[in-house]
Protein backbone atom coordinates (compact mmCIF):
# COMPACT_ATOMS: atom_id res chain seq x y z
CA UNK A 1 177.20 -74.31 235.50
CA UNK A 2 177.97 -72.76 238.88
CA UNK A 3 177.98 -69.04 238.16
CA UNK A 4 177.44 -67.31 241.48
CA UNK A 5 179.96 -66.85 244.25
CA UNK A 6 177.68 -68.51 246.81
CA UNK A 7 177.21 -71.57 244.56
CA UNK A 8 180.95 -71.85 244.06
CA UNK A 9 181.71 -71.58 247.77
CA UNK A 10 179.12 -74.29 248.48
CA UNK A 11 180.65 -76.58 245.84
CA UNK A 12 184.12 -76.13 247.26
CA UNK A 13 182.88 -76.87 250.78
CA UNK A 14 180.88 -79.99 249.80
CA UNK A 15 183.38 -81.59 247.39
CA UNK A 16 186.53 -81.98 249.45
CA UNK A 17 188.42 -79.22 247.61
CA UNK A 18 191.79 -78.59 249.27
CA UNK A 19 193.62 -76.41 246.75
CA UNK A 20 192.41 -73.70 244.38
CA UNK A 21 194.40 -72.52 241.39
CA UNK A 22 193.87 -68.93 240.27
CA UNK A 23 194.93 -68.96 236.61
CA UNK A 24 195.68 -66.24 234.08
CA UNK A 25 197.85 -65.68 231.01
CA UNK A 26 200.77 -63.37 230.45
CA UNK A 27 200.95 -61.12 227.39
CA UNK A 28 202.03 -64.02 225.17
CA UNK A 29 199.41 -66.51 226.30
CA UNK A 30 201.57 -68.50 228.72
CA UNK A 31 199.51 -69.97 231.57
CA UNK A 32 200.33 -68.77 235.08
CA UNK A 33 198.69 -69.47 238.42
CA UNK A 34 198.71 -68.95 242.18
CA UNK A 35 197.36 -71.63 244.52
CA UNK A 36 195.30 -70.78 247.59
CA UNK A 37 193.45 -72.83 250.20
CA UNK A 38 189.63 -72.76 250.34
CA UNK A 39 189.53 -70.40 253.36
CA UNK A 40 191.10 -67.70 251.16
CA UNK A 41 188.53 -67.98 248.36
CA UNK A 42 185.99 -65.47 249.81
CA UNK A 43 188.81 -62.90 250.07
CA UNK A 44 189.81 -63.65 246.47
CA UNK A 45 186.29 -62.94 245.22
CA UNK A 46 185.89 -59.78 247.29
CA UNK A 47 189.34 -58.20 247.19
CA UNK A 48 191.56 -60.29 244.91
CA UNK A 49 194.82 -62.12 245.58
CA UNK A 50 197.99 -60.03 245.03
CA UNK A 51 200.96 -61.02 242.86
CA UNK A 52 204.16 -59.45 241.55
CA UNK A 53 203.29 -58.25 238.03
CA UNK A 54 206.87 -57.15 237.40
CA UNK A 55 207.88 -60.83 237.30
CA UNK A 56 205.32 -61.67 234.58
CA UNK A 57 206.43 -61.25 230.98
CA UNK A 58 204.92 -58.22 229.27
CA UNK A 59 203.26 -56.73 232.34
CA UNK A 60 204.45 -53.82 234.52
CA UNK A 61 207.80 -52.41 235.65
CA UNK A 62 209.00 -52.75 239.23
CA UNK A 63 207.58 -49.36 240.28
CA UNK A 64 203.98 -50.56 239.66
CA UNK A 65 204.26 -54.23 240.43
CA UNK A 66 201.16 -54.83 242.58
CA UNK A 67 198.20 -56.44 240.78
CA UNK A 68 195.30 -58.60 241.95
CA UNK A 69 193.70 -61.81 240.67
CA UNK A 70 189.91 -61.96 240.99
CA UNK A 71 188.46 -65.40 240.05
CA UNK A 72 185.63 -65.65 237.54
CA UNK A 73 183.10 -67.94 239.28
CA UNK A 74 181.75 -69.22 235.92
CA UNK A 75 185.12 -70.81 235.12
CA UNK A 76 185.27 -73.23 238.06
CA UNK A 77 186.64 -76.58 236.94
CA UNK A 78 187.97 -79.62 238.79
CA UNK A 79 191.37 -80.80 237.54
CA UNK A 80 190.79 -84.52 236.83
CA UNK A 81 194.48 -85.47 236.78
CA UNK A 82 194.89 -84.31 240.39
CA UNK A 83 193.88 -86.47 243.43
CA UNK A 84 190.17 -87.16 243.85
CA UNK A 85 190.58 -86.90 247.61
CA UNK A 86 191.70 -83.40 248.45
CA UNK A 87 190.60 -82.11 245.07
CA UNK A 88 192.20 -79.30 243.10
CA UNK A 89 190.00 -76.82 241.24
CA UNK A 90 190.87 -73.99 238.90
CA UNK A 91 189.44 -70.58 238.04
CA UNK A 92 190.40 -68.18 235.29
CA UNK A 93 190.78 -64.70 236.71
CA UNK A 94 190.36 -61.05 235.90
CA UNK A 95 193.46 -59.00 236.58
CA UNK A 96 192.82 -55.83 238.55
CA UNK A 97 194.79 -52.79 239.65
CA UNK A 98 194.88 -52.06 243.40
CA UNK A 99 192.05 -49.52 242.94
CA UNK A 100 189.83 -52.22 241.43
CA UNK A 101 190.06 -51.05 237.83
CA UNK A 102 190.89 -53.44 235.00
CA UNK A 103 194.60 -53.93 234.32
CA UNK A 104 195.61 -52.84 230.81
CA UNK A 105 197.54 -56.10 230.22
CA UNK A 106 194.57 -58.40 230.90
CA UNK A 107 194.22 -59.89 227.41
CA UNK A 108 191.10 -61.83 228.45
CA UNK A 109 189.51 -58.45 229.16
CA UNK A 110 190.55 -57.23 225.69
CA UNK A 111 188.63 -60.13 224.12
CA UNK A 112 185.61 -59.38 226.32
CA UNK A 113 185.58 -55.79 225.09
CA UNK A 114 185.57 -56.85 221.42
CA UNK A 115 182.82 -59.39 222.11
CA UNK A 116 180.78 -56.63 223.82
CA UNK A 117 181.27 -54.43 220.77
CA UNK A 118 179.83 -57.16 218.56
CA UNK A 119 176.98 -57.71 221.01
CA UNK A 120 176.04 -54.03 220.86
CA UNK A 121 175.54 -54.49 217.14
CA UNK A 122 173.25 -57.45 217.77
CA UNK A 123 175.75 -60.24 217.06
CA UNK A 124 177.01 -63.16 219.14
CA UNK A 125 180.30 -64.55 217.95
CA UNK A 126 180.95 -68.30 218.15
CA UNK A 127 184.46 -69.73 217.88
CA UNK A 128 185.70 -73.30 217.47
CA UNK A 129 189.35 -74.36 217.48
CA UNK A 130 191.10 -77.19 215.66
CA UNK A 131 194.50 -77.66 217.25
CA UNK A 132 197.40 -79.83 216.14
CA UNK A 133 200.30 -80.94 218.35
CA UNK A 134 203.18 -83.40 218.41
CA UNK A 135 204.05 -86.10 220.93
CA UNK A 136 207.74 -86.82 221.49
CA UNK A 137 209.57 -89.38 223.59
CA UNK A 138 211.60 -88.29 226.61
CA UNK A 139 215.10 -89.36 227.66
CA UNK A 140 216.15 -91.26 230.78
CA UNK A 141 216.00 -88.02 232.79
CA UNK A 142 212.49 -87.24 231.57
CA UNK A 143 213.71 -84.39 229.36
CA UNK A 144 212.07 -83.88 225.91
CA UNK A 145 213.78 -85.23 222.81
CA UNK A 146 212.99 -84.43 219.18
CA UNK A 147 212.16 -88.10 218.49
CA UNK A 148 208.46 -88.51 217.52
CA UNK A 149 206.39 -90.96 219.54
CA UNK A 150 205.32 -92.89 216.44
CA UNK A 151 205.65 -92.98 212.66
CA UNK A 152 201.95 -92.73 211.84
CA UNK A 153 200.38 -90.50 209.18
CA UNK A 154 197.00 -88.94 208.50
CA UNK A 155 194.11 -90.94 210.06
CA UNK A 156 196.33 -93.97 210.61
CA UNK A 157 195.45 -96.59 213.21
CA UNK A 158 197.43 -98.76 215.60
CA UNK A 159 200.19 -99.93 215.40
CA UNK A 160 201.33 -97.04 213.17
CA UNK A 161 199.35 -94.72 215.42
CA UNK A 162 200.63 -95.30 218.96
CA UNK A 163 198.89 -92.19 220.24
CA UNK A 164 195.27 -93.35 220.20
CA UNK A 165 195.16 -94.14 223.92
CA UNK A 166 196.75 -90.77 224.73
CA UNK A 167 194.11 -88.96 222.66
CA UNK A 168 191.37 -91.01 224.32
CA UNK A 169 192.66 -90.02 227.75
CA UNK A 170 192.84 -86.37 226.65
CA UNK A 171 189.25 -86.43 225.35
CA UNK A 172 187.90 -88.06 228.53
CA UNK A 173 189.73 -85.51 230.65
CA UNK A 174 188.32 -82.65 228.60
CA UNK A 175 184.82 -84.05 228.99
CA UNK A 176 185.24 -84.18 232.76
CA UNK A 177 186.17 -80.50 232.64
CA UNK A 178 183.06 -79.57 230.63
CA UNK A 179 184.83 -79.23 227.26
CA UNK A 180 183.21 -81.34 224.57
CA UNK A 181 185.71 -82.89 222.15
CA UNK A 182 184.15 -83.57 218.75
CA UNK A 183 186.84 -85.45 216.84
CA UNK A 184 190.40 -86.66 217.37
CA UNK A 185 192.83 -88.38 215.05
CA UNK A 186 196.43 -88.83 214.02
CA UNK A 187 197.67 -86.06 211.74
CA UNK A 188 200.14 -86.11 208.84
CA UNK A 189 203.39 -85.79 210.75
CA UNK A 190 205.02 -88.60 212.75
CA UNK A 191 203.76 -88.26 216.32
CA UNK A 192 201.37 -85.49 215.24
CA UNK A 193 197.79 -85.42 216.52
CA UNK A 194 194.69 -83.26 216.37
CA UNK A 195 191.76 -82.83 218.74
CA UNK A 196 188.83 -80.57 217.81
CA UNK A 197 186.40 -79.38 220.44
CA UNK A 198 182.90 -77.94 220.11
CA UNK A 199 182.48 -74.27 219.32
CA UNK A 200 181.47 -71.85 222.05
CA UNK A 201 181.36 -68.12 222.68
CA UNK A 202 184.68 -66.45 222.04
CA UNK A 203 185.85 -65.95 225.66
CA UNK A 204 184.88 -69.49 226.68
CA UNK A 205 186.57 -70.88 223.58
CA UNK A 206 189.82 -69.05 224.41
CA UNK A 207 189.61 -70.38 227.99
CA UNK A 208 189.04 -73.86 226.60
CA UNK A 209 192.08 -73.61 224.35
CA UNK A 210 194.34 -72.70 227.28
CA UNK A 211 192.81 -75.58 229.25
CA UNK A 212 193.30 -77.92 226.29
CA UNK A 213 197.03 -77.18 226.08
CA UNK A 214 197.41 -77.79 229.80
CA UNK A 215 195.48 -81.08 229.59
CA UNK A 216 197.52 -82.32 226.63
CA UNK A 217 200.83 -81.52 228.29
CA UNK A 218 199.74 -83.02 231.62
CA UNK A 219 198.38 -86.25 230.10
CA UNK A 220 201.47 -86.60 227.89
CA UNK A 221 203.80 -86.13 230.89
CA UNK A 222 201.82 -88.67 232.89
CA UNK A 223 202.51 -91.16 230.12
CA UNK A 224 206.24 -90.38 229.94
CA UNK A 225 205.92 -88.23 226.81
CA UNK A 226 206.38 -84.59 225.88
CA UNK A 227 203.71 -82.62 224.01
CA UNK A 228 204.89 -79.77 221.80
CA UNK A 229 202.67 -77.03 220.39
CA UNK A 230 205.56 -75.51 218.41
CA UNK A 231 204.40 -74.36 214.96
CA UNK A 232 207.15 -76.32 213.16
CA UNK A 233 208.93 -78.71 215.55
CA UNK A 234 210.34 -80.93 212.76
CA UNK A 235 211.89 -79.00 209.86
CA UNK A 236 210.86 -81.39 207.08
CA UNK A 237 207.44 -82.46 208.42
CA UNK A 238 204.00 -80.89 208.70
CA UNK A 239 203.64 -77.91 211.00
CA UNK A 240 201.00 -77.58 213.70
CA UNK A 241 198.20 -75.12 213.08
CA UNK A 242 195.40 -73.64 215.15
CA UNK A 243 192.55 -73.42 212.66
CA UNK A 244 190.03 -70.88 213.93
CA UNK A 245 186.40 -71.48 212.94
CA UNK A 246 184.15 -68.50 213.42
CA UNK A 247 180.44 -67.74 212.90
CA UNK A 248 177.99 -65.03 213.93
CA UNK A 249 174.52 -65.43 215.40
CA UNK A 250 171.77 -62.81 215.24
CA UNK A 251 168.40 -63.46 216.90
CA UNK A 252 169.31 -67.12 217.17
CA UNK A 253 170.10 -67.46 213.48
CA UNK A 254 173.50 -68.12 211.94
CA UNK A 255 174.08 -65.23 209.56
CA UNK A 256 177.35 -66.72 208.41
CA UNK A 257 176.23 -68.27 205.15
CA UNK A 258 178.40 -68.29 202.05
CA UNK A 259 177.03 -71.31 200.22
CA UNK A 260 176.96 -69.90 196.70
CA UNK A 261 173.18 -69.57 196.61
CA UNK A 262 172.27 -67.54 199.67
CA UNK A 263 175.12 -65.19 200.44
CA UNK A 264 174.90 -63.14 203.61
CA UNK A 265 176.29 -59.68 202.84
CA UNK A 266 177.28 -59.25 206.48
CA UNK A 267 179.25 -62.49 206.32
CA UNK A 268 180.93 -61.48 203.08
CA UNK A 269 182.00 -58.18 204.60
CA UNK A 270 183.26 -59.99 207.71
CA UNK A 271 185.51 -62.24 205.62
CA UNK A 272 186.63 -59.23 203.57
CA UNK A 273 187.61 -57.44 206.78
CA UNK A 274 189.75 -60.36 207.95
CA UNK A 275 191.43 -60.57 204.54
CA UNK A 276 192.15 -56.83 204.60
CA UNK A 277 193.65 -56.80 208.10
CA UNK A 278 195.35 -60.21 208.21
CA UNK A 279 198.86 -58.91 207.46
CA UNK A 280 198.61 -56.34 210.28
CA UNK A 281 197.57 -58.94 212.86
CA UNK A 282 199.84 -61.78 211.76
CA UNK A 283 202.48 -60.90 214.38
CA UNK A 284 199.89 -61.87 216.99
CA UNK A 285 198.54 -64.95 215.21
CA UNK A 286 202.03 -66.25 214.39
CA UNK A 287 204.18 -64.84 217.19
CA UNK A 288 207.51 -66.68 216.90
CA UNK A 289 210.02 -66.98 214.07
CA UNK A 290 209.33 -70.72 213.95
CA UNK A 291 205.76 -69.82 212.91
CA UNK A 292 207.04 -68.62 209.53
CA UNK A 293 208.78 -71.91 208.82
CA UNK A 294 205.29 -73.46 208.83
CA UNK A 295 203.52 -70.92 206.60
CA UNK A 296 203.57 -71.83 202.91
CA UNK A 297 204.57 -75.47 203.49
CA UNK A 298 202.75 -78.76 204.04
CA UNK A 299 199.24 -77.31 203.52
CA UNK A 300 199.75 -74.18 205.62
CA UNK A 301 198.64 -71.01 203.79
CA UNK A 302 200.95 -68.52 202.12
CA UNK A 303 198.62 -66.28 200.12
CA UNK A 304 195.81 -63.96 201.19
CA UNK A 305 192.81 -65.51 199.50
CA UNK A 306 189.59 -67.41 200.17
CA UNK A 307 187.38 -70.10 198.68
CA UNK A 308 184.67 -72.63 199.49
CA UNK A 309 185.99 -75.89 200.91
CA UNK A 310 189.52 -75.39 199.55
CA UNK A 311 192.21 -76.18 202.14
CA UNK A 312 194.95 -74.45 200.15
CA UNK A 313 193.41 -71.05 200.93
CA UNK A 314 193.95 -68.73 203.89
CA UNK A 315 190.20 -68.67 204.53
CA UNK A 316 187.88 -71.43 203.50
CA UNK A 317 184.12 -71.79 203.92
CA UNK A 318 183.59 -75.45 204.84
CA UNK A 319 180.66 -77.40 203.45
CA UNK A 320 178.29 -77.87 206.36
CA UNK A 321 174.73 -77.44 207.59
CA UNK A 322 173.19 -74.01 208.22
CA UNK A 323 173.76 -74.23 211.98
CA UNK A 324 177.46 -74.93 211.48
CA UNK A 325 178.19 -72.63 208.52
CA UNK A 326 181.31 -70.64 209.29
CA UNK A 327 184.63 -69.34 208.06
CA UNK A 328 187.87 -71.13 208.86
CA UNK A 329 191.06 -69.10 209.18
CA UNK A 330 194.02 -71.43 208.63
CA UNK A 331 197.08 -69.27 209.34
CA UNK A 332 197.16 -69.07 213.19
CA UNK A 333 199.26 -71.53 215.16
CA UNK A 334 199.16 -72.83 218.75
CA UNK A 335 201.89 -70.48 220.00
CA UNK A 336 199.43 -67.57 219.89
CA UNK A 337 197.70 -65.93 222.83
CA UNK A 338 194.11 -67.01 222.01
CA UNK A 339 192.53 -64.01 223.75
CA UNK A 340 194.41 -61.60 221.53
CA UNK A 341 194.07 -63.80 218.44
CA UNK A 342 190.29 -64.17 218.70
CA UNK A 343 189.89 -60.50 219.61
CA UNK A 344 191.81 -59.33 216.55
CA UNK A 345 190.09 -61.72 214.14
CA UNK A 346 186.64 -60.66 215.36
CA UNK A 347 187.61 -56.97 215.33
CA UNK A 348 188.91 -57.30 211.76
CA UNK A 349 185.62 -58.89 210.71
CA UNK A 350 183.63 -56.17 212.44
CA UNK A 351 185.74 -53.59 210.59
CA UNK A 352 184.68 -55.22 207.34
CA UNK A 353 181.02 -55.20 208.36
CA UNK A 354 181.09 -51.60 209.58
CA UNK A 355 182.60 -50.46 206.29
CA UNK A 356 180.54 -52.82 204.07
CA UNK A 357 183.72 -54.15 202.48
CA UNK A 358 183.24 -56.16 199.30
CA UNK A 359 184.53 -59.72 199.29
CA UNK A 360 187.22 -60.32 196.61
CA UNK A 361 186.69 -63.04 194.05
CA UNK A 362 187.27 -66.53 195.41
CA UNK A 363 190.31 -68.53 194.28
CA UNK A 364 189.06 -72.06 193.70
CA UNK A 365 192.44 -73.48 192.67
CA UNK A 366 195.10 -75.53 194.42
CA UNK A 367 197.51 -72.77 195.43
CA UNK A 368 200.18 -75.33 196.35
CA UNK A 369 200.39 -76.44 192.73
CA UNK A 370 199.21 -73.29 190.94
CA UNK A 371 201.33 -71.58 188.31
CA UNK A 372 203.20 -68.37 189.04
CA UNK A 373 200.82 -66.61 186.65
CA UNK A 374 198.13 -67.13 189.33
CA UNK A 375 200.06 -66.92 192.59
CA UNK A 376 202.16 -63.98 191.45
CA UNK A 377 199.07 -61.77 191.48
CA UNK A 378 198.06 -62.66 195.03
CA UNK A 379 199.12 -60.75 198.15
CA UNK A 380 201.17 -62.83 200.57
CA UNK A 381 201.26 -63.25 204.30
CA UNK A 382 204.34 -61.76 205.99
CA UNK A 383 207.30 -64.08 205.40
CA UNK A 384 209.05 -63.52 208.74
CA UNK A 385 208.36 -62.20 212.22
CA UNK A 386 210.41 -59.05 211.71
CA UNK A 387 208.26 -57.92 208.79
CA UNK A 388 205.09 -58.88 210.64
CA UNK A 389 206.13 -56.77 213.63
CA UNK A 390 206.90 -53.84 211.31
CA UNK A 391 203.39 -54.02 209.86
CA UNK A 392 201.90 -54.27 213.34
CA UNK A 393 203.75 -51.16 214.48
CA UNK A 394 202.29 -49.12 211.62
CA UNK A 395 198.72 -50.38 212.09
CA UNK A 396 196.07 -47.88 213.15
CA UNK A 397 193.67 -50.81 213.36
CA UNK A 398 195.81 -52.44 216.09
CA UNK A 399 196.20 -49.15 217.92
CA UNK A 400 192.42 -48.77 218.00
CA UNK A 401 191.70 -52.39 218.98
CA UNK A 402 194.42 -52.90 221.59
CA UNK A 403 195.52 -50.39 224.16
CA UNK A 404 198.81 -48.56 223.63
CA UNK A 405 200.70 -50.39 226.39
CA UNK A 406 199.90 -53.87 225.04
CA UNK A 407 200.92 -52.98 221.51
CA UNK A 408 204.15 -51.24 222.56
CA UNK A 409 205.17 -53.96 225.01
CA UNK A 410 204.39 -56.75 222.60
CA UNK A 411 206.39 -55.27 219.72
CA UNK A 412 209.30 -54.27 221.99
CA UNK A 413 209.63 -57.68 223.64
CA UNK A 414 209.13 -59.63 220.42
CA UNK A 415 211.80 -57.47 218.73
CA UNK A 416 214.26 -58.24 221.53
CA UNK A 417 213.41 -61.93 221.21
CA UNK A 418 213.91 -61.85 217.45
CA UNK A 419 217.25 -60.04 217.79
CA UNK A 420 218.49 -62.70 220.22
CA UNK A 421 217.45 -65.40 217.76
CA UNK A 422 219.23 -63.55 214.93
CA UNK A 423 222.52 -63.41 216.85
CA UNK A 424 222.76 -67.15 217.37
CA UNK A 425 224.75 -69.23 214.90
CA UNK A 426 222.99 -72.54 215.58
CA UNK A 427 219.35 -71.72 214.93
CA UNK A 428 218.08 -75.29 215.42
CA UNK A 429 219.71 -75.72 218.83
CA UNK A 430 218.48 -72.30 219.89
CA UNK A 431 214.93 -73.22 218.85
CA UNK A 432 215.04 -76.52 220.73
CA UNK A 433 216.27 -74.88 223.92
CA UNK A 434 214.13 -71.73 223.89
CA UNK A 435 210.91 -72.58 222.01
CA UNK A 436 210.45 -76.32 221.57
CA UNK A 437 210.37 -76.97 225.31
CA UNK A 438 208.37 -73.87 226.18
CA UNK A 439 205.46 -73.71 223.71
């Protein structure tokens, strides 16, 4: 990996690079970028490239609108779907104030700070994402429709699964960009797919997720299709989740073992911390009202519980080898900002470890079919975005993990968004116009 500025500049010079994209995310995880020519790259590394932060959702007001993008040399990647002659490369960037200090709205920096906190305690956090998405056909103008690309179901093959060549192209593209896809398959819903890529450190995994969404949308568009990462694009079909797999390493050993025979107390407390704080952070893991149409239906979790191997639980401990032992959190969805999502999940786990929280008893039952005598005793995830935002606003944990500006801006803007959704009489049309095409 090219990690120094000099190595990056040499690569750009020797590989016919003509355009450089400086990428970052807004408060809600939407990808943004500025393009520069190679001659401007040394200035970008040394001083940063300015942009109007007032025009970016969730950032500053017009009186403090000057911010700078400084590329991270370790994130250099060639965009394979762009021309091979006159190449286009991309960097993820740090966002700086004019005085060189970190900008409070840089959510990538928030994740870095939580990762550093774990590192100071001797832990390295590894994250792997399993992301579902839908492919839809487009109309004669190239605009998205709500018609699925195929009628396949879980693990189906051609001709029911018409998406296999699209997934293959996505996986090959990811490999070219240094992201290793592990598995891909058709999911339960018509036109629904899943691609899982290899775990990595938390910041790199969040970068990879943003890259993954861009690759999927670009490859789909190149094939005349539209890719949607909406949590619940079809009301009566399976929703799309972002299952977050997380483990901790200490001195090269995976301490995340919960196999029934050799329980790591640190791991138990980590899971207990996530269970304790999940309601407070749900507004960030499930950030749109459409997210709550997914939860509690079609194998998406509804209750705050855990178990080994059980996919009806919020947290499950998959059966796997020691190296790959981990927890899987099943409530997040692809509309989340992964930098904030991973930061809050890790911080919640660290809270559990720091306070030696005891892990509640596991629930090894099928919660989708369980009797009310069982489910009635279990705490539930927030049932709508409004309640989730209310819990977030009262959370001292969020105030201590995020800075005040991020929390206030996020809740304020999401409340405005929710109020606009509430005023509309045709909720489905509003969703299709304002979320389906954007997420």
